[in-house]
Amino acid sequence: MNKTKIIATITDAYTKEKLIAIAQAGVNIVRLNFSHAKHPTTKPLIDLIHQLNKQGTTNLGILLDTKWPEVRTGERDQPYLYQRDEQFRIFTDQTKMTEHSDMFCDYAYLLEDMKVWDTIAIESGLMNVVVQEVHSDFLLVKSENTCEIGSRRHMNFPGISLRLPGLTEKDKADLIFWLENGIDYVAASFIRNQHNLEEIRTFLTESIQTVKTFEATTPTFPQIIAKIENQEGISNLEEIVKSADGIMIARGDLGIETPINQLPYYQKYILDVCFKYGRTCIMATELLKSMTNSPFPTRAEVSDVYNSVIARVDAVMLSDETAIGKFPIETVKLMKETVEEAEKHTINKHKDFDIQREDEASLGKKLLVKHALFLADELKAKCVIVFTHTGSLAKMVAGFKPNQNVFAFTPYPEIINLMRILFGIQGMKMKQRADHTTENQEIALQMLLEQGLVSSGDKIVIIADKKRGEKTDPLIRVTIVE
């Protein structure tokens, strides 16, 4: 069982058979990109995933990647081929456009925020233009390269702090859809500061009171993955990491919004801050991009996946490779094989992290978890067992990057869903729950035996709580499977 989780982007074109195939190939979480997906066609797909999970056929988490505020060019009757060094105008008022080369931008503050020599990246950086003049109703820009531009192309503004809202009306509708359909995680694009996250979380908290959630048996708070995609997000990284449930290194836009040669540095910097606070971190964008159209990856891509794993990310993500690629199953299989190979040669040192809680109970539990993992290493334990009601203990264990597989037992299915993204954690629903700690441990061991996950003679480290009157004390137990 690989400890580094695999996320694959899918579309509503996925059939039942294809969903089962990617799950069997090694996918832990499927991503739905709502820059393109629509509610009416996506809901049957989500219902199918829930059905397959309930039957035990698959065990897939669901991540909704919403569109969020973005800047685009306008509609065109036909694409226009801009030549290198060509000068043209960019307007924010389409009624003033007169030349076929004129371009519309839907960012209302364009003329106020841009200045001479600023750069605009169009179509994910395929064309860069430099501002030559700022007029009252347009920018005069010069193209740095030849490129054909069609309708509604994406625009990036490297180094510019844009005055965009944290949520659009479409985003709000997508988040309501999330609450209604039992999606486990929301990936929030272009998070620029802590306020953006607070706006999203407030909206979800208020909405969850009125929306009937999917088969919820216990309240679960929305899990928000903040996507770091521009310089402003980098500048405010620490406050973002503290506020988010997880971070995605979205290298596509980040590599456009910042100098490409600095991307490896920012990638490592984001990882380091995630380690500092024990946050889940996802590596995304073009990990096996060539497999979108080829059955074989490049050597550099395989090395990228391998190096992401030894850098200790929690999850690696596939985008076009599985969304529109010709070889989605082969891509996932290769990803899993590369992840497993990298994990063979990675020994985690269980580096400490800040849980931002100073109460004695939390600090004591964190210290216990850390030493339990060191004990598991020393004993060469087969696995670690934890018991959790909210998933917080499992998050602590994942933050220390366990070397063993960790089975996290809980009575709540939705907590299992939220643990699917955690490094090294496999959620397990208890068939029954006893009143006493020792009985629960024996139930858990019996479940693992029945599923062939442990064998007679295996050493197991257990992290649990023991009731003492009104209080509960955390404890470590070492046992040998009989």
Protein backbone atom coordinates (compact mmCIF):
# COMPACT_ATOMS: atom_id res chain seq x y z
CA MET A 1 0.00 0.00 0.00
CA ASN A 2 1.58 3.29 -1.08
CA LYS A 3 1.68 5.97 1.62
CA THR A 4 1.81 8.87 -0.86
CA LYS A 5 -1.72 9.26 -2.19
CA ILE A 6 -2.63 9.55 -5.89
CA ILE A 7 -5.22 12.05 -7.16
CA ALA A 8 -6.60 11.74 -10.70
CA THR A 9 -8.73 14.27 -12.57
CA ILE A 10 -11.82 12.72 -14.17
CA THR A 11 -14.78 13.95 -16.22
CA ASP A 12 -18.43 12.97 -16.60
CA ALA A 13 -17.35 10.81 -19.56
CA TYR A 14 -16.08 8.23 -17.06
CA THR A 15 -18.14 5.05 -17.02
CA LYS A 16 -18.60 2.68 -14.11
CA GLU A 17 -16.02 0.33 -15.62
CA LYS A 18 -13.47 3.11 -16.08
CA LEU A 19 -13.95 4.33 -12.49
CA ILE A 20 -13.36 0.83 -11.16
CA ALA A 21 -10.30 0.49 -13.40
CA ILE A 22 -8.57 3.66 -12.18
CA ALA A 23 -9.38 2.78 -8.57
CA GLN A 24 -7.84 -0.67 -9.01
CA ALA A 25 -4.84 0.92 -10.74
CA GLY A 26 -4.11 2.93 -7.59
CA VAL A 27 -6.13 6.16 -7.45
CA ASN A 28 -7.15 7.30 -3.95
CA ILE A 29 -9.00 10.52 -4.80
CA VAL A 30 -10.72 11.76 -7.95
CA ARG A 31 -10.68 15.46 -8.86
CA LEU A 32 -13.57 17.22 -10.59
CA ASN A 33 -12.52 20.47 -12.27
CA PHE A 34 -15.43 22.92 -12.12
CA SER A 35 -13.79 25.31 -14.53
CA HIS A 36 -15.33 22.88 -17.04
CA ALA A 37 -17.68 20.50 -15.19
CA LYS A 38 -21.43 21.21 -14.95
CA HIS A 39 -23.76 20.27 -12.10
CA PRO A 40 -26.38 18.29 -14.11
CA THR A 41 -23.79 16.01 -15.76
CA THR A 42 -21.48 15.74 -12.74
CA LYS A 43 -24.11 14.72 -10.18
CA PRO A 44 -24.73 11.25 -11.73
CA LEU A 45 -20.97 10.67 -11.68
CA ILE A 46 -20.75 11.60 -7.99
CA ASP A 47 -23.74 9.41 -7.19
CA LEU A 48 -22.01 6.52 -8.99
CA ILE A 49 -18.82 7.02 -6.96
CA HIS A 50 -20.80 7.04 -3.71
CA GLN A 51 -22.60 3.88 -4.81
CA LEU A 52 -19.37 2.06 -5.70
CA ASN A 53 -17.78 3.14 -2.42
CA LYS A 54 -20.79 1.96 -0.42
CA GLN A 55 -20.65 -1.43 -2.16
CA GLY A 56 -16.94 -1.71 -1.34
CA THR A 57 -16.06 -1.87 -5.05
CA THR A 58 -14.00 1.34 -4.80
CA ASN A 59 -12.65 3.52 -2.01
CA LEU A 60 -12.41 6.92 -3.69
CA GLY A 61 -12.40 10.37 -2.15
CA ILE A 62 -13.78 13.30 -4.16
CA LEU A 63 -12.07 16.66 -4.61
CA LEU A 64 -13.97 19.55 -6.17
CA ASP A 65 -11.70 22.13 -7.84
CA THR A 66 -13.85 25.21 -8.27
CA LYS A 67 -13.26 27.92 -10.86
CA TRP A 68 -12.80 30.93 -8.52
CA PRO A 69 -12.19 34.47 -9.83
CA GLU A 70 -10.06 34.62 -12.95
CA VAL A 71 -9.26 37.01 -15.77
CA ARG A 72 -9.90 36.15 -19.43
CA THR A 73 -9.88 37.68 -22.88
CA GLY A 74 -13.14 38.25 -24.75
CA GLU A 75 -15.06 36.33 -27.40
CA ARG A 76 -13.72 36.26 -30.99
CA ASP A 77 -15.45 35.32 -34.23
CA GLN A 78 -12.22 33.61 -35.22
CA PRO A 79 -8.72 33.32 -33.71
CA TYR A 80 -6.18 36.04 -34.44
CA LEU A 81 -2.49 35.30 -35.12
CA TYR A 82 -0.39 37.85 -33.28
CA GLN A 83 3.14 38.30 -34.62
CA ARG A 84 6.28 38.79 -32.58
CA ASP A 85 6.89 42.52 -31.84
CA GLU A 86 3.35 43.37 -32.99
CA GLN A 87 1.77 46.22 -31.05
CA PHE A 88 -1.95 46.09 -30.27
CA ARG A 89 -4.52 47.42 -27.82
CA ILE A 90 -6.20 45.78 -24.82
CA PHE A 91 -9.57 47.26 -23.77
CA THR A 92 -11.88 46.81 -20.81
CA ASP A 93 -14.82 48.21 -22.83
CA GLN A 94 -15.67 46.08 -25.87
CA THR A 95 -17.67 48.89 -27.50
CA LYS A 96 -14.46 50.84 -28.11
CA MET A 97 -12.71 48.05 -30.03
CA THR A 98 -12.32 48.76 -33.76
CA GLU A 99 -9.40 46.66 -35.01
CA HIS A 100 -9.36 42.88 -35.41
CA SER A 101 -6.14 42.82 -33.36
CA ASP A 102 -7.83 44.61 -30.43
CA MET A 103 -8.22 42.41 -27.37
CA PHE A 104 -10.77 42.58 -24.54
CA CYS A 105 -9.87 41.92 -20.89
CA ASP A 106 -12.62 41.32 -18.31
CA TYR A 107 -10.59 42.69 -15.37
CA ALA A 108 -12.27 46.00 -14.51
CA TYR A 109 -9.19 47.58 -12.88
CA LEU A 110 -6.76 46.76 -15.68
CA LEU A 111 -6.00 50.37 -16.64
CA GLU A 112 -5.56 51.41 -13.00
CA ASP A 113 -3.34 48.52 -11.91
CA MET A 114 -0.99 48.18 -14.88
CA LYS A 115 1.98 50.37 -15.71
CA VAL A 116 4.57 50.61 -18.47
CA TRP A 117 6.91 47.56 -18.71
CA ASP A 118 4.51 45.29 -16.78
CA THR A 119 4.01 41.87 -18.40
CA ILE A 120 0.75 40.05 -19.17
CA ALA A 121 0.87 36.30 -19.85
CA ILE A 122 -1.90 35.07 -22.15
CA GLU A 123 -3.03 31.48 -22.79
CA SER A 124 -0.98 30.03 -19.90
CA GLY A 125 2.12 31.90 -21.00
CA LEU A 126 2.07 30.86 -24.67
CA MET A 127 2.05 34.57 -25.46
CA ASN A 128 3.63 37.28 -23.30
CA VAL A 129 3.00 40.95 -23.92
CA VAL A 130 4.72 43.98 -22.41
CA VAL A 131 2.86 47.20 -21.66
CA GLN A 132 4.15 50.07 -23.80
CA GLU A 133 1.64 52.81 -22.96
CA VAL A 134 -1.28 53.26 -20.56
CA HIS A 135 -4.18 55.29 -21.98
CA SER A 136 -7.52 56.30 -20.50
CA ASP A 137 -9.39 53.52 -22.28
CA PHE A 138 -6.78 50.95 -23.37
CA LEU A 139 -3.29 49.53 -22.89
CA LEU A 140 -0.88 49.56 -25.80
CA VAL A 141 1.16 46.36 -25.58
CA LYS A 142 3.80 44.58 -27.64
CA SER A 143 3.90 40.82 -28.17
CA GLU A 144 7.14 39.05 -27.31
CA ASN A 145 6.33 36.05 -29.50
CA THR A 146 4.07 34.81 -32.30
CA CYS A 147 0.87 33.09 -31.09
CA GLU A 148 -2.71 32.49 -32.21
CA ILE A 149 -5.29 33.58 -29.63
CA GLY A 150 -8.93 32.55 -29.69
CA SER A 151 -11.90 33.28 -27.42
CA ARG A 152 -11.93 33.45 -23.62
CA ARG A 153 -8.22 32.80 -23.12
CA HIS A 154 -6.77 32.91 -19.61
CA MET A 155 -4.69 35.94 -18.60
CA ASN A 156 -2.03 36.11 -15.87
CA PHE A 157 -0.42 39.22 -14.40
CA PRO A 158 2.93 38.23 -12.86
CA GLY A 159 3.79 40.26 -9.77
CA ILE A 160 0.55 42.28 -9.85
CA SER A 161 -1.83 42.20 -6.88
CA LEU A 162 -5.27 42.00 -8.49
CA ARG A 163 -8.42 43.31 -6.84
CA LEU A 164 -10.46 40.15 -7.24
CA PRO A 165 -13.17 38.84 -4.87
CA GLY A 166 -12.55 35.70 -2.88
CA LEU A 167 -15.79 34.13 -4.14
CA THR A 168 -17.93 34.61 -7.23
CA GLU A 169 -21.59 33.66 -7.52
CA LYS A 170 -20.57 30.58 -9.53
CA ASP A 171 -18.18 29.57 -6.75
CA LYS A 172 -20.96 29.86 -4.19
CA ALA A 173 -23.23 27.68 -6.31
CA ASP A 174 -20.44 25.11 -6.66
CA LEU A 175 -19.84 25.08 -2.89
CA ILE A 176 -23.56 24.52 -2.23
CA PHE A 177 -23.35 21.66 -4.72
CA TRP A 178 -20.42 20.30 -2.68
CA LEU A 179 -22.44 20.36 0.53
CA GLU A 180 -25.45 18.70 -1.10
CA ASN A 181 -23.50 15.87 -2.70
CA GLY A 182 -20.96 14.74 -0.12
CA ILE A 183 -17.71 15.89 -1.74
CA ASP A 184 -14.77 15.51 0.63
CA TYR A 185 -12.41 18.37 -0.30
CA VAL A 186 -12.58 21.74 -2.03
CA ALA A 187 -9.51 23.01 -3.89
CA ALA A 188 -9.57 26.80 -3.76
CA SER A 189 -7.73 28.41 -6.68
CA PHE A 190 -5.54 31.51 -6.52
CA ILE A 191 -5.66 31.87 -2.74
CA ARG A 192 -3.84 35.12 -2.06
CA ASN A 193 -4.17 35.56 1.70
CA GLN A 194 -5.83 34.30 4.86
CA HIS A 195 -8.88 36.50 4.23
CA ASN A 196 -9.71 34.52 1.06
CA LEU A 197 -9.87 31.31 3.12
CA GLU A 198 -11.92 32.94 5.87
CA GLU A 199 -14.44 34.13 3.28
CA ILE A 200 -14.81 30.60 1.89
CA ARG A 201 -15.00 28.96 5.30
CA THR A 202 -17.58 31.48 6.56
CA PHE A 203 -19.77 30.87 3.53
CA LEU A 204 -19.56 27.10 3.99
CA THR A 205 -20.20 27.31 7.74
CA GLU A 206 -23.31 29.43 7.21
CA SER A 207 -24.54 27.30 4.31
CA ILE A 208 -24.11 23.97 6.08
CA GLN A 209 -26.84 25.03 8.53
CA THR A 210 -29.44 25.15 5.75
CA VAL A 211 -28.21 22.55 3.27
CA LYS A 212 -28.98 18.89 3.81
CA THR A 213 -25.59 17.19 3.60
CA PHE A 214 -25.04 13.82 2.02
CA GLU A 215 -25.91 11.05 4.53
CA ALA A 216 -23.98 12.80 7.31
CA THR A 217 -24.12 10.94 10.63
CA THR A 218 -21.79 13.37 12.41
CA PRO A 219 -20.93 16.97 11.48
CA THR A 220 -17.74 17.35 9.45
CA PHE A 221 -16.18 20.70 8.75
CA PRO A 222 -15.36 21.51 5.13
CA GLN A 223 -11.81 20.54 4.16
CA ILE A 224 -10.26 23.38 2.13
CA ILE A 225 -7.14 22.83 0.04
CA ALA A 226 -5.54 26.19 -0.81
CA LYS A 227 -3.92 26.32 -4.24
CA ILE A 228 -0.77 28.44 -4.33
CA GLU A 229 -0.58 29.92 -7.81
CA ASN A 230 0.88 33.43 -7.70
CA GLN A 231 3.41 35.72 -6.03
CA GLU A 232 0.87 37.11 -3.58
CA GLY A 233 0.11 33.60 -2.36
CA ILE A 234 3.84 32.99 -1.89
CA SER A 235 4.24 36.28 0.00
CA ASN A 236 1.42 35.34 2.41
CA LEU A 237 2.22 31.64 2.49
CA GLU A 238 2.62 31.17 6.23
CA GLU A 239 -0.77 32.66 7.11
CA ILE A 240 -2.40 30.64 4.31
CA VAL A 241 -0.84 27.36 5.49
CA LYS A 242 -1.97 28.01 9.05
CA SER A 243 -5.56 28.61 7.94
CA ALA A 244 -5.99 25.89 5.30
CA ASP A 245 -6.58 22.17 5.78
CA GLY A 246 -4.06 21.46 3.04
CA ILE A 247 -2.00 23.08 0.28
CA MET A 248 -1.71 22.34 -3.42
CA ILE A 249 1.46 23.37 -5.25
CA ALA A 250 -0.28 24.35 -8.51
CA ARG A 251 2.79 24.57 -10.70
CA GLY A 252 0.91 25.53 -13.87
CA ASP A 253 -0.13 29.07 -13.00
CA LEU A 254 2.63 29.43 -10.40
CA GLY A 255 5.18 28.88 -13.18
CA ILE A 256 3.51 31.67 -15.17
CA GLU A 257 2.96 34.13 -12.33
CA THR A 258 6.56 33.80 -11.10
CA PRO A 259 9.84 33.45 -13.04
CA ILE A 260 10.05 29.86 -14.26
CA ASN A 261 13.63 29.45 -12.99
CA GLN A 262 12.39 30.25 -9.46
CA LEU A 263 9.65 27.61 -9.52
CA PRO A 264 11.80 24.82 -7.97
CA TYR A 265 12.72 27.14 -5.11
CA TYR A 266 9.09 28.09 -4.45
CA GLN A 267 8.10 24.44 -4.66
CA LYS A 268 10.54 23.54 -1.89
CA TYR A 269 9.62 26.62 0.13
CA ILE A 270 5.92 25.67 0.10
CA LEU A 271 6.79 22.14 1.18
CA ASP A 272 8.96 23.42 4.04
CA VAL A 273 6.18 25.64 5.39
CA CYS A 274 3.71 22.73 5.15
CA PHE A 275 6.14 20.58 7.15
CA LYS A 276 6.44 23.36 9.74
CA TYR A 277 2.72 23.18 10.49
CA GLY A 278 2.04 19.53 9.69
CA ARG A 279 -0.20 20.36 6.73
CA THR A 280 -1.15 18.08 3.86
CA CYS A 281 0.66 19.07 0.65
CA ILE A 282 -0.26 18.04 -2.91
CA MET A 283 2.15 18.22 -5.85
CA ALA A 284 0.25 19.07 -9.04
CA THR A 285 0.66 19.85 -12.74
CA GLU A 286 2.37 17.96 -15.56
CA LEU A 287 3.85 15.13 -13.48
CA LEU A 288 3.32 12.71 -16.39
CA LYS A 289 2.11 15.21 -19.01
CA SER A 290 3.52 13.37 -22.04
CA MET A 291 1.31 10.36 -21.23
CA THR A 292 -1.71 12.44 -22.26
CA ASN A 293 -0.90 11.29 -25.80
CA SER A 294 1.88 8.73 -25.34
CA PRO A 295 1.90 5.32 -23.61
CA PHE A 296 5.37 6.12 -22.25
CA PRO A 297 6.52 9.06 -20.09
CA THR A 298 9.76 11.00 -20.39
CA ARG A 299 12.63 10.14 -18.07
CA ALA A 300 12.38 13.63 -16.57
CA GLU A 301 8.70 13.08 -15.70
CA VAL A 302 9.40 9.82 -13.90
CA SER A 303 12.18 11.57 -12.01
CA ASP A 304 9.75 14.38 -11.13
CA VAL A 305 7.29 11.91 -9.57
CA TYR A 306 10.10 10.08 -7.76
CA ASN A 307 11.61 13.31 -6.41
CA SER A 308 8.19 14.54 -5.28
CA VAL A 309 7.81 11.40 -3.17
CA ILE A 310 11.27 11.59 -1.59
CA ALA A 311 10.54 15.27 -0.88
CA ARG A 312 7.67 13.85 1.22
CA VAL A 313 4.57 15.30 -0.38
CA ASP A 314 1.32 13.78 0.84
CA ALA A 315 -0.18 13.31 -2.61
CA VAL A 316 0.68 13.59 -6.31
CA MET A 317 -1.93 14.68 -8.82
CA LEU A 318 -2.71 13.88 -12.44
CA SER A 319 -4.65 16.37 -14.59
CA ASP A 320 -4.95 16.10 -18.38
CA GLU A 321 -3.26 12.69 -18.19
CA THR A 322 -6.46 11.11 -16.80
CA ALA A 323 -9.08 13.74 -17.74
CA ILE A 324 -8.59 13.73 -21.51
CA GLY A 325 -5.57 11.46 -21.94
CA LYS A 326 -5.48 8.41 -24.19
CA PHE A 327 -3.82 6.20 -21.56
CA PRO A 328 -5.36 7.03 -18.15
CA ILE A 329 -5.10 3.55 -16.63
CA GLU A 330 -1.52 3.04 -17.80
CA THR A 331 -0.63 6.47 -16.42
CA VAL A 332 -2.02 5.69 -12.98
CA LYS A 333 -0.27 2.32 -12.89
CA LEU A 334 3.06 3.92 -13.75
CA MET A 335 2.48 6.64 -11.16
CA LYS A 336 1.78 4.03 -8.49
CA GLU A 337 4.84 1.95 -9.45
CA THR A 338 7.07 5.04 -9.31
CA VAL A 339 5.62 6.12 -5.96
CA GLU A 340 6.19 2.67 -4.47
CA GLU A 341 9.76 2.55 -5.78
CA ALA A 342 10.54 5.94 -4.24
CA GLU A 343 9.00 4.94 -0.91
CA LYS A 344 11.28 1.90 -0.75
CA HIS A 345 14.24 4.26 -0.55
CA THR A 346 12.77 6.88 1.77
CA ILE A 347 13.13 6.74 5.55
CA ASN A 348 11.16 9.45 7.34
CA LYS A 349 12.69 11.02 10.45
CA HIS A 350 9.37 12.17 12.01
CA LYS A 351 10.33 15.85 12.14
CA ASP A 352 8.34 17.82 14.70
CA PHE A 353 5.78 20.43 13.67
CA ASP A 354 3.64 23.18 15.18
CA ILE A 355 0.01 22.20 15.79
CA GLN A 356 -0.88 25.77 16.86
CA ARG A 357 -2.51 24.51 20.03
CA GLU A 358 -0.92 25.06 23.40
CA ASP A 359 -3.22 23.06 25.67
CA GLU A 360 -1.43 20.37 27.60
CA ALA A 361 -3.62 17.53 26.28
CA SER A 362 -2.92 18.29 22.61
CA LEU A 363 0.81 18.76 23.14
CA GLY A 364 0.98 15.55 25.16
CA LYS A 365 -0.88 13.59 22.47
CA LYS A 366 1.42 14.94 19.75
CA LEU A 367 4.50 13.90 21.75
CA LEU A 368 3.01 10.45 22.28
CA VAL A 369 2.34 10.04 18.54
CA LYS A 370 5.90 11.04 17.66
CA HIS A 371 7.44 8.53 20.05
CA ALA A 372 5.01 5.81 18.98
CA LEU A 373 6.32 6.16 15.41
CA PHE A 374 9.94 6.04 16.59
CA LEU A 375 9.03 2.91 18.58
CA ALA A 376 7.42 1.35 15.49
CA ASP A 377 10.65 1.99 13.56
CA GLU A 378 12.84 0.44 16.26
CA LEU A 379 10.62 -2.62 16.56
CA LYS A 380 10.23 -2.92 12.76
CA ALA A 381 6.49 -3.04 13.35
CA LYS A 382 4.21 -4.26 10.59
CA CYS A 383 1.83 -1.33 11.04
CA VAL A 384 0.42 1.25 13.44
CA ILE A 385 -3.19 1.33 14.64
CA VAL A 386 -4.93 4.51 15.81
CA PHE A 387 -8.48 5.22 16.95
CA THR A 388 -10.09 8.56 16.06
CA HIS A 389 -13.50 10.24 16.27
CA THR A 390 -12.74 13.43 14.33
CA GLY A 391 -9.67 12.51 12.29
CA SER A 392 -7.42 14.90 14.24
CA LEU A 393 -5.26 12.10 15.68
CA ALA A 394 -4.81 10.63 12.19
CA LYS A 395 -3.74 14.09 10.96
CA MET A 396 -1.11 14.23 13.70
CA VAL A 397 0.24 10.84 12.69
CA ALA A 398 0.32 11.83 9.00
CA GLY A 399 2.13 15.06 9.88
CA PHE A 400 5.04 13.04 11.30
CA LYS A 401 5.27 11.03 8.03
CA PRO A 402 5.08 7.44 9.31
CA ASN A 403 7.29 4.75 7.75
CA GLN A 404 4.69 2.06 8.46
CA ASN A 405 1.17 1.81 7.09
CA VAL A 406 -1.26 3.32 9.58
CA PHE A 407 -4.79 1.98 10.00
CA ALA A 408 -7.09 4.62 11.51
CA PHE A 409 -10.26 3.14 12.99
CA THR A 410 -13.42 5.21 13.36
CA PRO A 411 -17.17 4.53 13.51
CA TYR A 412 -17.94 7.39 11.10
CA PRO A 413 -17.82 6.89 7.29
CA GLU A 414 -17.40 10.62 6.59
CA ILE A 415 -14.26 10.73 8.78
CA ILE A 416 -12.85 7.87 6.70
CA ASN A 417 -13.54 10.00 3.62
CA LEU A 418 -11.57 12.94 5.04
CA MET A 419 -8.61 10.70 5.91
CA ARG A 420 -8.12 9.41 2.36
CA ILE A 421 -5.76 12.28 1.55
CA LEU A 422 -3.52 11.83 4.60
CA PHE A 423 -0.01 10.46 4.13
CA GLY A 424 0.26 6.81 5.15
CA ILE A 425 -3.26 6.64 6.57
CA GLN A 426 -5.89 4.09 5.61
CA GLY A 427 -9.27 4.72 7.21
CA MET A 428 -11.09 1.69 8.61
CA LYS A 429 -14.73 1.62 9.71
CA MET A 430 -15.20 -0.43 12.84
CA LYS A 431 -17.79 -3.15 12.42
CA GLN A 432 -18.76 -2.73 16.04
CA ARG A 433 -17.56 -0.58 18.91
CA ALA A 434 -17.07 -1.82 22.45
CA ASP A 435 -17.13 0.18 25.67
CA HIS A 436 -13.59 -0.71 26.69
CA THR A 437 -10.32 0.25 25.03
CA THR A 438 -8.84 -3.25 25.07
CA GLU A 439 -11.92 -4.75 23.41
CA ASN A 440 -11.78 -2.15 20.61
CA GLN A 441 -8.13 -2.98 20.02
CA GLU A 442 -8.93 -6.66 19.70
CA ILE A 443 -11.79 -5.90 17.29
CA ALA A 444 -9.40 -3.83 15.16
CA LEU A 445 -6.74 -6.56 15.12
CA GLN A 446 -9.32 -9.15 14.13
CA MET A 447 -10.48 -6.94 11.22
CA LEU A 448 -6.92 -6.60 9.94
CA LEU A 449 -6.38 -10.35 10.23
CA GLU A 450 -9.57 -11.12 8.30
CA GLN A 451 -8.51 -8.78 5.50
CA GLY A 452 -5.02 -10.22 5.30
CA LEU A 453 -3.38 -6.93 6.29
CA VAL A 454 -1.50 -8.49 9.22
CA SER A 455 -0.33 -12.02 9.95
CA SER A 456 0.50 -14.12 12.97
CA GLY A 457 3.76 -12.97 14.53
CA ASP A 458 3.56 -9.37 13.28
CA LYS A 459 4.42 -6.64 15.77
CA ILE A 460 1.80 -3.87 15.98
CA VAL A 461 2.02 -0.47 17.67
CA ILE A 462 -1.33 0.86 18.90
CA ILE A 463 -2.13 4.49 19.78
CA ALA A 464 -5.32 4.78 21.79
CA ASP A 465 -7.04 6.48 24.72
CA LYS A 466 -7.77 4.93 28.08
CA LYS A 467 -10.66 6.22 30.16
CA ARG A 468 -9.87 7.20 33.75
CA GLY A 469 -13.02 8.46 35.40
CA GLU A 470 -13.98 11.70 33.69
CA LYS A 471 -10.66 11.90 31.83
CA THR A 472 -9.02 9.99 29.02
CA ASP A 473 -5.28 9.35 28.89
CA PRO A 474 -3.43 8.65 25.61
CA LEU A 475 -1.46 5.41 25.59
CA ILE A 476 0.91 3.33 23.46
CA ARG A 477 0.60 -0.42 23.33
CA VAL A 478 2.84 -2.92 21.57
CA THR A 479 1.33 -6.26 20.69
CA ILE A 480 2.21 -9.33 18.64
CA VAL A 481 -0.49 -10.81 16.45
CA GLU A 482 -1.37 -14.35 17.52
